[in-house]
Amino acid sequence: MRGARGAWDFLCVLLLLLRVQT
């Protein structure tokens, strides 16, 4: 799977942002 790492990083950042917002 190519680009899976980038997608995972994006998901991690998104989750972190959501947690900070809440």
Protein backbone atom coordinates (compact mmCIF):
# COMPACT_ATOMS: atom_id res chain seq x y z
CA MET A 1 0.00 0.00 0.00
CA ARG A 2 1.62 3.22 -1.12
CA GLY A 3 0.84 6.50 0.60
CA ALA A 4 -0.69 4.63 3.53
CA ARG A 5 1.77 6.28 5.89
CA GLY A 6 0.72 9.75 4.73
CA ALA A 7 -2.95 8.90 5.18
CA TRP A 8 -2.26 7.53 8.68
CA ASP A 9 -0.36 10.71 9.60
CA PHE A 10 -3.25 12.83 8.32
CA LEU A 11 -5.73 10.79 10.37
CA CYS A 12 -3.58 11.14 13.48
CA VAL A 13 -3.37 14.91 13.06
CA LEU A 14 -7.10 15.13 12.46
CA LEU A 15 -7.84 13.14 15.61
CA LEU A 16 -5.47 15.31 17.62
CA LEU A 17 -7.10 18.50 16.32
CA LEU A 18 -10.56 17.16 17.15
CA ARG A 19 -9.41 16.25 20.65
CA VAL A 20 -7.96 19.72 21.20
CA GLN A 21 -11.15 21.36 19.92
CA THR A 22 -13.38 19.30 22.23
